[in-house]
């Protein structure tokens, strides 16, 4: 079923919308959630919560790209579950690994000023990524937004894992320099 028809089902409050969403995107959303949580049961709950959130938000919101909309919801719900579950302990997941790789680029402080600047930081990262070649940008997004493993990202583009690692490293270095130039943290 086409995305616009699925969205229309949500707007009409037809429960078949959730069934069609699950048939079309359930596997993909599970993969995204599992990459963050590394637990199938928590991932299933996160995806179910995604469907509930989509149900509650349509209407009034009408997403232009349904998959992107669902991925944003799934990612946020999964990250929230990850944080709650791991507040006292650390568990290995692709999300935790990708966060550790980005530590040098973006500080993880919790000051009020950083909270206020969060949207500016997101815009700066988006601007930086927009200047990258398509493959480099897609590899970065696959790793750090979708939390895919290095192996998966390399496989998507038919490159070796070492090339993907090198590409990600160079991109992180470039991002750090760009953010320093934009004044997001002091140069050392």
C-alpha atoms as a PDB file:
ATOM      1  CA  UNK A   1       0.000   0.000   0.000  1.00  0.00           C
ATOM      2  CA  UNK A   2       1.247   3.505  -0.819  1.00  0.00           C
ATOM      3  CA  UNK A   3       2.320   5.761   2.052  1.00  0.00           C
ATOM      4  CA  UNK A   4      -0.239   8.450   1.258  1.00  0.00           C
ATOM      5  CA  UNK A   5      -3.023   5.863   1.543  1.00  0.00           C
ATOM      6  CA  UNK A   6      -1.649   4.640   4.878  1.00  0.00           C
ATOM      7  CA  UNK A   7      -1.510   8.219   6.183  1.00  0.00           C
ATOM      8  CA  UNK A   8      -5.078   8.710   4.995  1.00  0.00           C
ATOM      9  CA  UNK A   9      -6.106   5.659   7.046  1.00  0.00           C
ATOM     10  CA  UNK A  10      -4.539   7.268  10.121  1.00  0.00           C
ATOM     11  CA  UNK A  11      -6.475  10.450   9.410  1.00  0.00           C
ATOM     12  CA  UNK A  12      -9.714   8.488   9.093  1.00  0.00           C
ATOM     13  CA  UNK A  13      -8.882   6.719  12.403  1.00  0.00           C
ATOM     14  CA  UNK A  14      -8.978   3.368  10.646  1.00  0.00           C
ATOM     15  CA  UNK A  15      -7.077   0.764  12.693  1.00  0.00           C
ATOM     16  CA  UNK A  16      -5.933  -0.903   9.462  1.00  0.00           C
ATOM     17  CA  UNK A  17      -3.367   1.932   9.267  1.00  0.00           C
ATOM     18  CA  UNK A  18      -1.290   0.269  11.976  1.00  0.00           C
ATOM     19  CA  UNK A  19      -1.517  -3.125  10.301  1.00  0.00           C
ATOM     20  CA  UNK A  20      -0.396  -1.704   6.951  1.00  0.00           C
ATOM     21  CA  UNK A  21       2.370   0.279   8.632  1.00  0.00           C
ATOM     22  CA  UNK A  22       3.636  -2.850  10.349  1.00  0.00           C
ATOM     23  CA  UNK A  23       3.504  -4.895   7.139  1.00  0.00           C
ATOM     24  CA  UNK A  24       5.387  -2.274   5.159  1.00  0.00           C
ATOM     25  CA  UNK A  25       7.874  -0.898   7.704  1.00  0.00           C
ATOM     26  CA  UNK A  26       7.786  -3.143  10.774  1.00  0.00           C
ATOM     27  CA  UNK A  27      10.975  -5.032   9.916  1.00  0.00           C
ATOM     28  CA  UNK A  28      12.884  -1.841   9.208  1.00  0.00           C
ATOM     29  CA  UNK A  29      11.697  -0.173  12.430  1.00  0.00           C
ATOM     30  CA  UNK A  30      12.613  -3.295  14.432  1.00  0.00           C
ATOM     31  CA  UNK A  31      16.120  -3.204  12.967  1.00  0.00           C
ATOM     32  CA  UNK A  32      16.507   0.458  13.861  1.00  0.00           C
ATOM     33  CA  UNK A  33      15.279  -0.104  17.411  1.00  0.00           C
ATOM     34  CA  UNK A  34      17.417  -3.225  17.874  1.00  0.00           C
ATOM     35  CA  UNK A  35      20.523  -1.341  16.744  1.00  0.00           C
ATOM     36  CA  UNK A  36      19.937   1.050  19.627  1.00  0.00           C
ATOM     37  CA  UNK A  37      18.689  -1.357  22.291  1.00  0.00           C
ATOM     38  CA  UNK A  38      20.344  -4.705  21.450  1.00  0.00           C
ATOM     39  CA  UNK A  39      17.260  -6.427  22.877  1.00  0.00           C
ATOM     40  CA  UNK A  40      14.408  -7.895  20.805  1.00  0.00           C
ATOM     41  CA  UNK A  41      11.704  -7.571  23.458  1.00  0.00           C
ATOM     42  CA  UNK A  42      12.476  -3.916  24.182  1.00  0.00           C
ATOM     43  CA  UNK A  43      12.638  -3.309  20.426  1.00  0.00           C
ATOM     44  CA  UNK A  44       9.199  -4.854  19.907  1.00  0.00           C
ATOM     45  CA  UNK A  45       7.775  -2.598  22.619  1.00  0.00           C
ATOM     46  CA  UNK A  46       9.470   0.447  21.113  1.00  0.00           C
ATOM     47  CA  UNK A  47       8.023  -0.292  17.679  1.00  0.00           C
ATOM     48  CA  UNK A  48       4.560  -0.822  19.182  1.00  0.00           C
ATOM     49  CA  UNK A  49       4.959   2.496  20.990  1.00  0.00           C
ATOM     50  CA  UNK A  50       5.903   4.027  17.628  1.00  0.00           C
ATOM     51  CA  UNK A  51       2.600   2.882  16.148  1.00  0.00           C
ATOM     52  CA  UNK A  52       0.707   4.330  19.129  1.00  0.00           C
ATOM     53  CA  UNK A  53       2.584   7.620  18.836  1.00  0.00           C
ATOM     54  CA  UNK A  54       1.874   7.775  15.094  1.00  0.00           C
ATOM     55  CA  UNK A  55      -1.788   7.058  15.813  1.00  0.00           C
ATOM     56  CA  UNK A  56      -1.943   9.890  18.357  1.00  0.00           C
ATOM     57  CA  UNK A  57      -0.104  12.407  16.155  1.00  0.00           C
ATOM     58  CA  UNK A  58      -2.035  11.874  12.903  1.00  0.00           C
ATOM     59  CA  UNK A  59      -4.092  14.050  12.738  1.00  0.00           C
ATOM     60  CA  UNK A  60      -3.183  16.871  13.149  1.00  0.00           C
ATOM     61  CA  UNK A  61       0.258  16.095  11.699  1.00  0.00           C
ATOM     62  CA  UNK A  62       0.458  14.798   8.130  1.00  0.00           C
ATOM     63  CA  UNK A  63       3.987  13.502   7.440  1.00  0.00           C
ATOM     64  CA  UNK A  64       5.318  14.111   3.949  1.00  0.00           C
ATOM     65  CA  UNK A  65       7.573  11.021   4.134  1.00  0.00           C
ATOM     66  CA  UNK A  66       6.013   8.326   6.312  1.00  0.00           C
ATOM     67  CA  UNK A  67       9.155   6.197   6.757  1.00  0.00           C
ATOM     68  CA  UNK A  68      11.242   9.167   7.909  1.00  0.00           C
ATOM     69  CA  UNK A  69       8.499  10.188  10.317  1.00  0.00           C
ATOM     70  CA  UNK A  70       8.242   6.679  11.766  1.00  0.00           C
ATOM     71  CA  UNK A  71      12.037   6.349  12.024  1.00  0.00           C
ATOM     72  CA  UNK A  72      12.284   9.579  14.013  1.00  0.00           C
ATOM     73  CA  UNK A  73       9.625   8.353  16.417  1.00  0.00           C
ATOM     74  CA  UNK A  74      11.179   4.881  16.750  1.00  0.00           C
ATOM     75  CA  UNK A  75      14.654   6.296  17.252  1.00  0.00           C
ATOM     76  CA  UNK A  76      13.529   8.689  19.993  1.00  0.00           C
ATOM     77  CA  UNK A  77      11.471   6.072  21.808  1.00  0.00           C
ATOM     78  CA  UNK A  78      14.342   3.565  21.619  1.00  0.00           C
ATOM     79  CA  UNK A  79      16.855   6.116  22.879  1.00  0.00           C
ATOM     80  CA  UNK A  80      14.557   6.928  25.799  1.00  0.00           C
ATOM     81  CA  UNK A  81      14.287   3.214  26.649  1.00  0.00           C
ATOM     82  CA  UNK A  82      18.067   2.851  26.289  1.00  0.00           C
ATOM     83  CA  UNK A  83      18.699   5.748  28.679  1.00  0.00           C
ATOM     84  CA  UNK A  84      16.245   4.453  31.274  1.00  0.00           C
ATOM     85  CA  UNK A  85      17.548   0.917  31.077  1.00  0.00           C
ATOM     86  CA  UNK A  86      21.193   1.886  31.129  1.00  0.00           C
ATOM     87  CA  UNK A  87      21.188   4.710  33.637  1.00  0.00           C
ATOM     88  CA  UNK A  88      22.859   2.407  36.163  1.00  0.00           C
ATOM     89  CA  UNK A  89      24.706   0.060  33.809  1.00  0.00           C
ATOM     90  CA  UNK A  90      26.207   0.112  30.337  1.00  0.00           C
ATOM     91  CA  UNK A  91      25.166  -2.466  27.750  1.00  0.00           C
ATOM     92  CA  UNK A  92      26.893  -2.832  24.407  1.00  0.00           C
ATOM     93  CA  UNK A  93      24.770  -1.816  21.452  1.00  0.00           C
ATOM     94  CA  UNK A  94      25.451  -0.160  18.126  1.00  0.00           C
ATOM     95  CA  UNK A  95      23.938   3.005  19.586  1.00  0.00           C
ATOM     96  CA  UNK A  96      26.379   3.029  22.507  1.00  0.00           C
ATOM     97  CA  UNK A  97      29.297   2.333  20.186  1.00  0.00           C
ATOM     98  CA  UNK A  98      28.313   5.066  17.740  1.00  0.00           C
ATOM     99  CA  UNK A  99      27.895   7.548  20.614  1.00  0.00           C
ATOM    100  CA  UNK A 100      31.374   6.777  21.882  1.00  0.00           C
ATOM    101  CA  UNK A 101      32.760   7.418  18.382  1.00  0.00           C
ATOM    102  CA  UNK A 102      31.132  10.866  18.308  1.00  0.00           C
ATOM    103  CA  UNK A 103      32.280  11.957  21.777  1.00  0.00           C
ATOM    104  CA  UNK A 104      35.165  14.022  20.389  1.00  0.00           C
ATOM    105  CA  UNK A 105      32.911  15.903  17.969  1.00  0.00           C
ATOM    106  CA  UNK A 106      30.039  16.914  20.208  1.00  0.00           C
ATOM    107  CA  UNK A 107      30.364  17.444  23.934  1.00  0.00           C
ATOM    108  CA  UNK A 108      27.767  15.770  26.110  1.00  0.00           C
ATOM    109  CA  UNK A 109      27.476  18.475  28.776  1.00  0.00           C
ATOM    110  CA  UNK A 110      24.150  19.300  30.334  1.00  0.00           C
ATOM    111  CA  UNK A 111      24.367  23.033  30.848  1.00  0.00           C
ATOM    112  CA  UNK A 112      21.406  25.289  30.171  1.00  0.00           C
ATOM    113  CA  UNK A 113      23.372  27.108  27.487  1.00  0.00           C
ATOM    114  CA  UNK A 114      23.978  23.828  25.645  1.00  0.00           C
ATOM    115  CA  UNK A 115      20.288  22.975  25.897  1.00  0.00           C
ATOM    116  CA  UNK A 116      19.404  26.321  24.339  1.00  0.00           C
ATOM    117  CA  UNK A 117      21.983  25.822  21.584  1.00  0.00           C
ATOM    118  CA  UNK A 118      20.768  22.305  20.734  1.00  0.00           C
ATOM    119  CA  UNK A 119      18.769  23.433  17.699  1.00  0.00           C
ATOM    120  CA  UNK A 120      21.679  25.544  16.458  1.00  0.00           C
ATOM    121  CA  UNK A 121      23.999  22.575  16.838  1.00  0.00           C
ATOM    122  CA  UNK A 122      21.619  20.314  14.927  1.00  0.00           C
ATOM    123  CA  UNK A 123      21.404  22.901  12.150  1.00  0.00           C
ATOM    124  CA  UNK A 124      25.208  23.209  12.016  1.00  0.00           C
ATOM    125  CA  UNK A 125      25.598  19.426  11.744  1.00  0.00           C
ATOM    126  CA  UNK A 126      22.926  19.349   9.040  1.00  0.00           C
ATOM    127  CA  UNK A 127      24.741  22.116   7.134  1.00  0.00           C
ATOM    128  CA  UNK A 128      28.051  20.260   7.408  1.00  0.00           C
ATOM    129  CA  UNK A 129      26.508  17.016   6.175  1.00  0.00           C
ATOM    130  CA  UNK A 130      24.847  18.805   3.256  1.00  0.00           C
ATOM    131  CA  UNK A 131      28.307  19.782   1.968  1.00  0.00           C
ATOM    132  CA  UNK A 132      29.602  16.201   1.976  1.00  0.00           C
ATOM    133  CA  UNK A 133      29.544  13.891  -1.038  1.00  0.00           C
ATOM    134  CA  UNK A 134      26.390  11.746  -1.040  1.00  0.00           C
ATOM    135  CA  UNK A 135      28.061   8.455  -0.172  1.00  0.00           C
ATOM    136  CA  UNK A 136      30.025   9.979   2.715  1.00  0.00           C
ATOM    137  CA  UNK A 137      26.895  11.646   4.087  1.00  0.00           C
ATOM    138  CA  UNK A 138      24.866   8.438   3.766  1.00  0.00           C
ATOM    139  CA  UNK A 139      27.544   6.368   5.515  1.00  0.00           C
ATOM    140  CA  UNK A 140      27.642   8.910   8.357  1.00  0.00           C
ATOM    141  CA  UNK A 141      23.839   8.960   8.697  1.00  0.00           C
ATOM    142  CA  UNK A 142      23.650   5.162   8.535  1.00  0.00           C
ATOM    143  CA  UNK A 143      26.149   4.861  11.351  1.00  0.00           C
ATOM    144  CA  UNK A 144      25.147   7.726  13.607  1.00  0.00           C
ATOM    145  CA  UNK A 145      21.417   8.225  12.979  1.00  0.00           C
ATOM    146  CA  UNK A 146      20.284   4.677  12.226  1.00  0.00           C
ATOM    147  CA  UNK A 147      23.000   3.115  14.432  1.00  0.00           C
ATOM    148  CA  UNK A 148      23.926   0.540  11.805  1.00  0.00           C
ATOM    149  CA  UNK A 149      27.119  -1.422  12.430  1.00  0.00           C
ATOM    150  CA  UNK A 150      30.256  -0.615  10.462  1.00  0.00           C
ATOM    151  CA  UNK A 151      29.816  -3.930   8.654  1.00  0.00           C
ATOM    152  CA  UNK A 152      26.251  -3.078   7.628  1.00  0.00           C
ATOM    153  CA  UNK A 153      27.148   0.418   6.459  1.00  0.00           C
ATOM    154  CA  UNK A 154      30.089  -0.902   4.436  1.00  0.00           C
ATOM    155  CA  UNK A 155      27.858  -3.585   2.921  1.00  0.00           C
ATOM    156  CA  UNK A 156      25.264  -1.037   1.782  1.00  0.00           C
ATOM    157  CA  UNK A 157      27.880   0.712  -0.332  1.00  0.00           C
ATOM    158  CA  UNK A 158      29.994  -2.270  -1.373  1.00  0.00           C
ATOM    159  CA  UNK A 159      33.092  -1.040   0.443  1.00  0.00           C
ATOM    160  CA  UNK A 160      35.436  -2.663   2.909  1.00  0.00           C
ATOM    161  CA  UNK A 161      34.913  -2.139   6.614  1.00  0.00           C
ATOM    162  CA  UNK A 162      38.297  -0.420   6.829  1.00  0.00           C
ATOM    163  CA  UNK A 163      37.257   2.070   4.136  1.00  0.00           C
ATOM    164  CA  UNK A 164      33.996   2.771   5.990  1.00  0.00           C
ATOM    165  CA  UNK A 165      35.885   3.241   9.273  1.00  0.00           C
ATOM    166  CA  UNK A 166      38.353   5.571   7.594  1.00  0.00           C
ATOM    167  CA  UNK A 167      35.557   7.549   5.935  1.00  0.00           C
ATOM    168  CA  UNK A 168      33.720   7.904   9.241  1.00  0.00           C
ATOM    169  CA  UNK A 169      36.906   8.934  11.044  1.00  0.00           C
ATOM    170  CA  UNK A 170      37.684  11.639   8.470  1.00  0.00           C
ATOM    171  CA  UNK A 171      34.084  12.835   8.604  1.00  0.00           C
ATOM    172  CA  UNK A 172      34.142  13.044  12.410  1.00  0.00           C
ATOM    173  CA  UNK A 173      37.420  15.017  12.296  1.00  0.00           C
ATOM    174  CA  UNK A 174      35.929  17.359   9.701  1.00  0.00           C
ATOM    175  CA  UNK A 175      32.755  17.748  11.746  1.00  0.00           C
ATOM    176  CA  UNK A 176      34.750  18.576  14.866  1.00  0.00           C
ATOM    177  CA  UNK A 177      36.754  21.242  13.019  1.00  0.00           C
ATOM    178  CA  UNK A 178      33.574  22.664  11.476  1.00  0.00           C
ATOM    179  CA  UNK A 179      31.844  22.862  14.850  1.00  0.00           C
ATOM    180  CA  UNK A 180      34.911  24.529  16.389  1.00  0.00           C
ATOM    181  CA  UNK A 181      34.870  27.116  13.589  1.00  0.00           C
ATOM    182  CA  UNK A 182      31.182  27.710  14.219  1.00  0.00           C
ATOM    183  CA  UNK A 183      31.947  28.333  17.911  1.00  0.00           C
ATOM    184  CA  UNK A 184      30.194  25.351  19.473  1.00  0.00           C
ATOM    185  CA  UNK A 185      33.111  24.562  21.754  1.00  0.00           C
ATOM    186  CA  UNK A 186      36.511  25.991  22.465  1.00  0.00           C
ATOM    187  CA  UNK A 187      39.402  24.932  20.288  1.00  0.00           C
ATOM    188  CA  UNK A 188      42.100  23.131  22.221  1.00  0.00           C
END
